[in-house]
């Protein structure tokens, strides 16, 4: 079995699921999800997250405490296998992500019994199963009437999604220091770039602080503010982003997935050059090579 540790919000959970799914398919074994960390924050330092994978047509089992313990409490047999038969199919691995860069040995140093501990924020882990993931990540819930109407409008216009991430990036000190807030100038430059490439662009604006955006974001293009997908329906923001012709994403895994799920072969995706406030973090593999960094 492949067990993947779930951390963060919806976008992060999708990265972790996708990497685990790719590994489980490689070894033709089951994928299990460890949800124990979602509520593990005794110092109250992190934004509380809900389990989100069940909103999609995903394929997995929930890992039991026993499943997880088998990787951390190794028996004498496990220790014997590790010591004398390191390439055995019975070997159990704990695969820890060292940084945010793609780990070249992900598929070669893992095994049929691997526990994944990391964020796995690169399509290099799962691009080989893109067609499978496009089916897995179909939303199970029926779309609302408002969402269906917006879907038609988006598909019938030269649409570009624009996502502004605020929320805990503003309110949570740790999140603010780690992620940082993109300046509005980034969005102005991104729209200017797209206006040079495409004509009659209609901008569909998404945000977790849409009232702030309505006041502060001033664009010459026609803008439509998506303000009706709240609560459990917020997943439809990702869907609507994915059916836009083009995407301007925030330093957010949520809009990253909105752009990655976009199946327009001629899409232009603009992403921020600086993903984290800490410039020393390795994010070279986070943005696909076909996207435009700005």
Protein backbone atom coordinates (compact mmCIF):
# COMPACT_ATOMS: atom_id res chain seq x y z
CA UNK A 1 0.00 0.00 0.00
CA UNK A 2 0.94 3.63 -0.52
CA UNK A 3 0.00 5.92 2.38
CA UNK A 4 0.09 9.68 1.89
CA UNK A 5 0.02 12.17 4.75
CA UNK A 6 -2.58 14.89 4.19
CA UNK A 7 -1.63 18.49 5.07
CA UNK A 8 -3.04 21.90 4.23
CA UNK A 9 -6.13 23.01 2.33
CA UNK A 10 -7.80 21.73 -0.80
CA UNK A 11 -5.00 22.57 -3.24
CA UNK A 12 -2.31 20.99 -1.07
CA UNK A 13 -4.43 17.90 -0.53
CA UNK A 14 -4.79 17.53 -4.30
CA UNK A 15 -1.01 17.64 -4.74
CA UNK A 16 -0.59 14.95 -2.10
CA UNK A 17 -3.34 12.81 -3.55
CA UNK A 18 -1.97 13.12 -7.09
CA UNK A 19 1.56 12.09 -6.09
CA UNK A 20 0.25 9.18 -4.05
CA UNK A 21 -2.07 8.11 -6.86
CA UNK A 22 0.80 8.08 -9.35
CA UNK A 23 2.93 5.93 -7.02
CA UNK A 24 0.07 3.55 -6.25
CA UNK A 25 -0.56 3.05 -9.96
CA UNK A 26 3.14 2.42 -10.58
CA UNK A 27 3.18 -0.38 -8.02
CA UNK A 28 -0.40 -1.54 -8.72
CA UNK A 29 -1.34 -1.25 -5.07
CA UNK A 30 -3.94 0.59 -3.02
CA UNK A 31 -3.69 4.24 -2.01
CA UNK A 32 -4.51 5.14 1.58
CA UNK A 33 -4.84 8.63 3.05
CA UNK A 34 -3.53 9.57 6.51
CA UNK A 35 -5.85 12.32 7.79
CA UNK A 36 -4.45 12.44 11.34
CA UNK A 37 -2.37 15.59 10.77
CA UNK A 38 -5.33 17.75 9.71
CA UNK A 39 -6.34 18.23 13.35
CA UNK A 40 -2.85 18.01 14.88
CA UNK A 41 -1.90 21.54 15.90
CA UNK A 42 -1.44 21.76 19.69
CA UNK A 43 0.16 25.24 19.46
CA UNK A 44 -2.63 26.59 17.24
CA UNK A 45 -0.11 27.88 14.69
CA UNK A 46 -1.79 26.74 11.49
CA UNK A 47 -5.04 27.44 9.69
CA UNK A 48 -7.52 24.68 10.48
CA UNK A 49 -8.30 22.56 7.44
CA UNK A 50 -11.11 20.21 6.54
CA UNK A 51 -10.81 16.96 4.63
CA UNK A 52 -11.51 17.93 1.00
CA UNK A 53 -10.71 14.92 -1.19
CA UNK A 54 -14.18 13.42 -0.80
CA UNK A 55 -15.60 16.31 -2.87
CA UNK A 56 -14.03 14.76 -5.97
CA UNK A 57 -14.31 11.45 -7.81
CA UNK A 58 -11.13 10.31 -6.09
CA UNK A 59 -10.00 6.73 -5.43
CA UNK A 60 -8.53 5.95 -2.00
CA UNK A 61 -9.07 4.39 1.41
CA UNK A 62 -8.58 6.09 4.78
CA UNK A 63 -5.45 4.80 6.52
CA UNK A 64 -6.09 3.25 9.92
CA UNK A 65 -3.83 3.90 12.93
CA UNK A 66 -2.49 0.38 12.39
CA UNK A 67 -1.63 1.16 8.75
CA UNK A 68 0.33 4.23 9.83
CA UNK A 69 2.01 2.47 12.76
CA UNK A 70 3.44 -0.21 10.49
CA UNK A 71 5.82 2.38 9.01
CA UNK A 72 6.94 3.90 12.30
CA UNK A 73 6.99 0.83 14.56
CA UNK A 74 8.98 -1.68 12.54
CA UNK A 75 9.06 -5.31 13.53
CA UNK A 76 12.22 -7.44 13.68
CA UNK A 77 11.24 -8.80 10.27
CA UNK A 78 11.05 -5.27 8.84
CA UNK A 79 14.46 -4.42 10.26
CA UNK A 80 15.92 -7.64 8.85
CA UNK A 81 14.53 -6.89 5.39
CA UNK A 82 15.86 -3.31 5.47
CA UNK A 83 19.32 -4.46 6.54
CA UNK A 84 19.83 -7.45 4.25
CA UNK A 85 17.33 -7.06 1.40
CA UNK A 86 17.04 -3.30 0.73
CA UNK A 87 15.41 -3.91 -2.66
CA UNK A 88 12.85 -6.40 -1.42
CA UNK A 89 9.17 -5.90 -2.25
CA UNK A 90 8.54 -6.32 1.48
CA UNK A 91 10.61 -3.26 2.42
CA UNK A 92 8.70 -0.37 4.01
CA UNK A 93 9.80 3.19 3.21
CA UNK A 94 9.07 6.53 4.80
CA UNK A 95 9.66 9.03 2.01
CA UNK A 96 10.23 12.52 3.44
CA UNK A 97 10.29 15.51 1.12
CA UNK A 98 13.46 17.51 1.77
CA UNK A 99 12.34 20.76 0.12
CA UNK A 100 9.81 21.95 -2.47
CA UNK A 101 11.88 20.82 -5.46
CA UNK A 102 11.10 17.65 -7.40
CA UNK A 103 12.82 14.63 -5.84
CA UNK A 104 14.47 12.78 -8.71
CA UNK A 105 14.44 9.46 -6.85
CA UNK A 106 10.70 9.60 -6.09
CA UNK A 107 9.89 6.66 -8.37
CA UNK A 108 13.19 4.77 -8.04
CA UNK A 109 13.77 4.85 -4.27
CA UNK A 110 10.17 4.20 -3.24
CA UNK A 111 8.57 0.77 -2.99
CA UNK A 112 5.19 -0.92 -2.94
CA UNK A 113 5.02 -0.09 0.78
CA UNK A 114 5.74 3.61 1.06
CA UNK A 115 4.58 6.38 3.38
CA UNK A 116 4.70 9.84 1.73
CA UNK A 117 5.39 12.80 4.01
CA UNK A 118 5.53 16.05 2.06
CA UNK A 119 3.67 18.52 -0.14
CA UNK A 120 4.77 17.18 -3.56
CA UNK A 121 4.07 20.49 -5.29
CA UNK A 122 5.21 19.69 -8.81
CA UNK A 123 3.41 18.18 -11.78
CA UNK A 124 6.53 16.08 -12.37
CA UNK A 125 5.22 13.67 -9.75
CA UNK A 126 1.96 13.01 -11.56
CA UNK A 127 1.90 14.49 -15.07
CA UNK A 128 2.25 10.95 -16.47
CA UNK A 129 -1.25 10.15 -15.17
CA UNK A 130 -2.87 13.46 -16.22
CA UNK A 131 -5.76 11.80 -18.06
CA UNK A 132 -6.57 9.68 -15.00
CA UNK A 133 -6.45 12.70 -12.70
CA UNK A 134 -8.74 14.71 -14.99
CA UNK A 135 -11.35 11.99 -14.33
CA UNK A 136 -10.52 11.66 -10.63
CA UNK A 137 -10.86 15.38 -9.99
CA UNK A 138 -14.38 15.76 -11.30
CA UNK A 139 -16.54 17.31 -8.58
CA UNK A 140 -19.18 14.90 -7.29
CA UNK A 141 -21.63 17.50 -6.04
CA UNK A 142 -24.26 18.81 -8.45
CA UNK A 143 -23.58 22.38 -9.58
CA UNK A 144 -25.84 25.17 -8.40
CA UNK A 145 -28.01 27.12 -10.83
CA UNK A 146 -25.80 30.20 -10.40
CA UNK A 147 -22.71 28.14 -11.21
CA UNK A 148 -24.33 26.66 -14.32
CA UNK A 149 -25.25 30.11 -15.58
CA UNK A 150 -21.70 31.34 -15.00
CA UNK A 151 -20.32 28.26 -16.75
CA UNK A 152 -22.24 29.19 -19.90
CA UNK A 153 -21.06 32.80 -19.74
CA UNK A 154 -17.42 31.78 -19.27
CA UNK A 155 -17.50 29.31 -22.14
CA UNK A 156 -19.03 31.90 -24.46
CA UNK A 157 -16.44 34.62 -23.82
CA UNK A 158 -12.71 35.07 -24.19
CA UNK A 159 -12.41 34.38 -20.50
CA UNK A 160 -9.48 34.67 -18.12
CA UNK A 161 -9.63 33.73 -14.46
CA UNK A 162 -7.87 35.96 -11.95
CA UNK A 163 -7.37 34.73 -8.41
CA UNK A 164 -6.43 36.89 -5.43
CA UNK A 165 -5.55 34.94 -2.31
CA UNK A 166 -5.93 36.78 0.99
CA UNK A 167 -7.72 35.09 3.90
CA UNK A 168 -5.19 33.59 6.33
CA UNK A 169 -2.34 35.07 4.26
CA UNK A 170 -3.49 38.34 5.83
CA UNK A 171 -5.01 37.29 9.16
CA UNK A 172 -2.57 34.57 10.27
CA UNK A 173 0.90 35.85 11.23
CA UNK A 174 2.67 32.58 10.37
CA UNK A 175 0.90 32.25 7.02
CA UNK A 176 1.64 35.89 6.18
CA UNK A 177 5.34 35.56 6.94
CA UNK A 178 5.64 32.28 5.03
CA UNK A 179 3.50 32.95 1.95
CA UNK A 180 3.33 36.73 1.62
CA UNK A 181 0.71 38.72 -0.30
CA UNK A 182 1.06 39.40 -4.01
CA UNK A 183 1.00 43.11 -4.89
CA UNK A 184 -1.80 44.34 -7.14
CA UNK A 185 0.89 45.38 -9.60
CA UNK A 186 1.40 41.69 -10.40
CA UNK A 187 -2.19 41.45 -11.62
CA UNK A 188 -1.95 44.67 -13.63
CA UNK A 189 1.17 43.39 -15.39
CA UNK A 190 -0.43 40.00 -16.01
CA UNK A 191 -3.54 41.53 -17.59
CA UNK A 192 -1.43 43.90 -19.68
CA UNK A 193 0.57 40.92 -20.97
CA UNK A 194 -2.58 38.99 -21.86
CA UNK A 195 -4.21 42.00 -23.51
CA UNK A 196 -1.23 42.15 -25.87
CA UNK A 197 -1.70 38.49 -26.80
CA UNK A 198 -5.50 38.20 -26.85
CA UNK A 199 -8.41 40.51 -27.66
CA UNK A 200 -11.72 41.17 -25.91
CA UNK A 201 -10.65 39.49 -22.70
CA UNK A 202 -13.29 39.21 -20.01
CA UNK A 203 -11.88 38.80 -16.52
CA UNK A 204 -13.54 36.47 -14.03
CA UNK A 205 -12.29 37.39 -10.58
CA UNK A 206 -12.06 34.86 -7.73
CA UNK A 207 -11.00 35.54 -4.16
CA UNK A 208 -11.54 34.51 -0.55
CA UNK A 209 -11.95 38.27 0.14
CA UNK A 210 -14.03 39.35 -2.83
CA UNK A 211 -15.36 42.53 -1.17
CA UNK A 212 -11.80 43.82 -0.71
CA UNK A 213 -11.01 42.98 -4.33
CA UNK A 214 -14.06 44.84 -5.66
CA UNK A 215 -12.83 47.99 -3.94
CA UNK A 216 -9.11 47.72 -4.62
CA UNK A 217 -8.60 46.00 -7.98
CA UNK A 218 -9.06 48.47 -10.84
CA UNK A 219 -8.85 47.00 -14.34
CA UNK A 220 -9.86 48.39 -17.74
CA UNK A 221 -11.19 45.01 -18.86
CA UNK A 222 -14.75 43.97 -18.11
CA UNK A 223 -14.71 42.11 -14.79
CA UNK A 224 -17.15 39.60 -13.36
CA UNK A 225 -16.75 38.93 -9.64
CA UNK A 226 -17.53 35.36 -8.57
CA UNK A 227 -19.06 35.87 -5.14
CA UNK A 228 -21.65 33.11 -4.83
CA UNK A 229 -19.56 29.98 -4.22
CA UNK A 230 -19.29 29.90 -0.44
CA UNK A 231 -18.91 27.14 2.14
CA UNK A 232 -18.99 23.67 0.56
CA UNK A 233 -19.68 25.27 -2.83
CA UNK A 234 -16.26 27.00 -2.85
CA UNK A 235 -14.91 23.97 -4.74
CA UNK A 236 -16.82 25.24 -7.77
CA UNK A 237 -14.49 28.25 -7.92
CA UNK A 238 -11.75 25.82 -8.91
CA UNK A 239 -14.00 24.32 -11.57
CA UNK A 240 -14.94 27.70 -13.04
CA UNK A 241 -11.26 28.67 -13.16
CA UNK A 242 -10.53 25.47 -15.05
CA UNK A 243 -13.00 26.23 -17.86
CA UNK A 244 -11.69 29.76 -18.48
CA UNK A 245 -9.63 30.13 -21.65
CA UNK A 246 -6.66 31.52 -19.69
CA UNK A 247 -5.60 31.84 -16.05
CA UNK A 248 -3.83 34.32 -13.80
CA UNK A 249 -3.10 32.50 -10.57
CA UNK A 250 -2.10 33.65 -7.11
CA UNK A 251 0.68 32.11 -5.00
CA UNK A 252 -1.97 29.58 -4.09
CA UNK A 253 -2.25 25.85 -4.72
CA UNK A 254 -6.02 26.35 -5.15
CA UNK A 255 -5.69 28.43 -8.31
CA UNK A 256 -2.66 26.36 -9.39
CA UNK A 257 -5.04 23.44 -9.71
CA UNK A 258 -7.66 25.57 -11.42
CA UNK A 259 -5.07 26.32 -14.11
CA UNK A 260 -3.64 22.78 -14.28
CA UNK A 261 -7.11 21.30 -14.80
CA UNK A 262 -7.74 23.77 -17.65
CA UNK A 263 -7.84 21.62 -20.80
CA UNK A 264 -7.67 24.47 -23.33
CA UNK A 265 -4.66 23.50 -25.52
CA UNK A 266 -3.97 27.18 -26.24
CA UNK A 267 -4.24 28.42 -22.67
CA UNK A 268 -1.89 31.05 -21.30
CA UNK A 269 -1.25 30.65 -17.59
CA UNK A 270 0.49 33.43 -15.67
CA UNK A 271 1.99 32.61 -12.29
CA UNK A 272 3.96 34.67 -9.77
CA UNK A 273 7.75 34.46 -9.97
CA UNK A 274 7.96 34.54 -6.17
CA UNK A 275 5.76 31.83 -4.67
CA UNK A 276 6.84 32.17 -1.04
CA UNK A 277 7.94 35.21 0.95
CA UNK A 278 11.17 33.33 1.72
CA UNK A 279 13.17 33.65 -1.52
CA UNK A 280 15.56 30.88 -0.46
CA UNK A 281 12.93 28.13 -0.84
CA UNK A 282 13.35 25.97 -3.92
CA UNK A 283 10.26 26.35 -6.11
CA UNK A 284 11.94 25.67 -9.46
CA UNK A 285 9.67 22.70 -10.20
CA UNK A 286 6.43 24.14 -8.85
CA UNK A 287 5.38 26.12 -11.93
CA UNK A 288 5.05 24.01 -15.13
CA UNK A 289 7.50 25.01 -17.85
CA UNK A 290 4.69 25.98 -20.22
CA UNK A 291 3.37 28.65 -17.83
CA UNK A 292 4.54 32.25 -17.85
CA UNK A 293 6.21 33.48 -14.65
CA UNK A 294 5.83 37.14 -13.78
